Amino acid sequence: MAVPKRRWSKARSRRSRSNWKVKSPGLVECPQCHELRMSHRVCKNCGYYDGREIIEQDV
């Protein structure tokens, strides 16, 4: 049966496990209403994307 030649250091173990952490979504400011929204998505507040109104908002 295969056995590792050397023990992994604590730093190496923790570095390999660090990729499993949940990352926060990339938020950007909407150019229309200046609220935070997810990148490459329609703004939920004003309904604009790429300078065009995609979703009509009731006032």
Protein backbone atom coordinates (compact mmCIF):
# COMPACT_ATOMS: atom_id res chain seq x y z
CA MET A 1 0.00 0.00 0.00
CA ALA A 2 1.27 3.48 -0.87
CA VAL A 3 2.45 5.65 1.99
CA PRO A 4 3.50 9.34 1.79
CA LYS A 5 7.26 9.85 2.07
CA ARG A 6 6.97 13.06 4.07
CA ARG A 7 4.39 14.80 6.17
CA TRP A 8 2.79 17.95 4.72
CA SER A 9 3.52 21.07 6.76
CA LYS A 10 0.66 22.92 8.47
CA ALA A 11 1.09 25.89 6.12
CA ARG A 12 0.85 23.68 3.03
CA SER A 13 -2.24 21.88 4.37
CA ARG A 14 -4.00 25.12 5.24
CA ARG A 15 -3.07 26.65 1.89
CA SER A 16 -4.65 23.76 0.00
CA ARG A 17 -7.79 23.92 2.15
CA SER A 18 -8.16 27.69 1.72
CA ASN A 19 -9.72 27.27 -1.76
CA TRP A 20 -12.89 25.79 -0.23
CA LYS A 21 -13.93 29.02 1.48
CA VAL A 22 -17.02 30.81 0.23
CA LYS A 23 -16.15 34.03 -1.57
CA SER A 24 -18.33 37.11 -1.63
CA PRO A 25 -19.92 38.00 -4.99
CA GLY A 26 -18.31 40.72 -7.11
CA LEU A 27 -20.44 43.79 -6.50
CA VAL A 28 -20.21 46.96 -8.61
CA GLU A 29 -21.99 50.29 -8.42
CA CYS A 30 -24.92 50.81 -10.81
CA PRO A 31 -24.25 53.86 -13.05
CA GLN A 32 -27.96 54.80 -13.01
CA CYS A 33 -29.02 54.60 -9.35
CA HIS A 34 -25.58 54.11 -7.69
CA GLU A 35 -26.69 51.05 -5.70
CA LEU A 36 -24.55 47.92 -5.43
CA ARG A 37 -25.45 45.16 -7.88
CA MET A 38 -23.85 41.99 -9.16
CA SER A 39 -21.56 42.41 -12.14
CA HIS A 40 -23.08 41.63 -15.58
CA ARG A 41 -26.63 41.51 -14.17
CA VAL A 42 -29.67 43.75 -14.45
CA CYS A 43 -29.97 46.15 -11.51
CA LYS A 44 -32.82 45.04 -9.24
CA ASN A 45 -33.41 48.60 -8.03
CA CYS A 46 -33.76 50.54 -11.31
CA GLY A 47 -33.99 47.75 -13.94
CA TYR A 48 -31.15 49.07 -16.13
CA TYR A 49 -28.35 47.09 -17.78
CA ASP A 50 -25.70 48.49 -20.13
CA GLY A 51 -27.43 51.88 -20.25
CA ARG A 52 -30.80 50.46 -21.36
CA GLU A 53 -33.96 49.87 -19.34
CA ILE A 54 -34.56 46.12 -19.36
CA ILE A 55 -37.21 45.82 -16.66
CA GLU A 56 -39.88 48.49 -16.37
CA GLN A 57 -40.20 49.80 -12.82
CA ASP A 58 -43.50 51.13 -11.42
CA VAL A 59 -43.11 54.52 -9.78
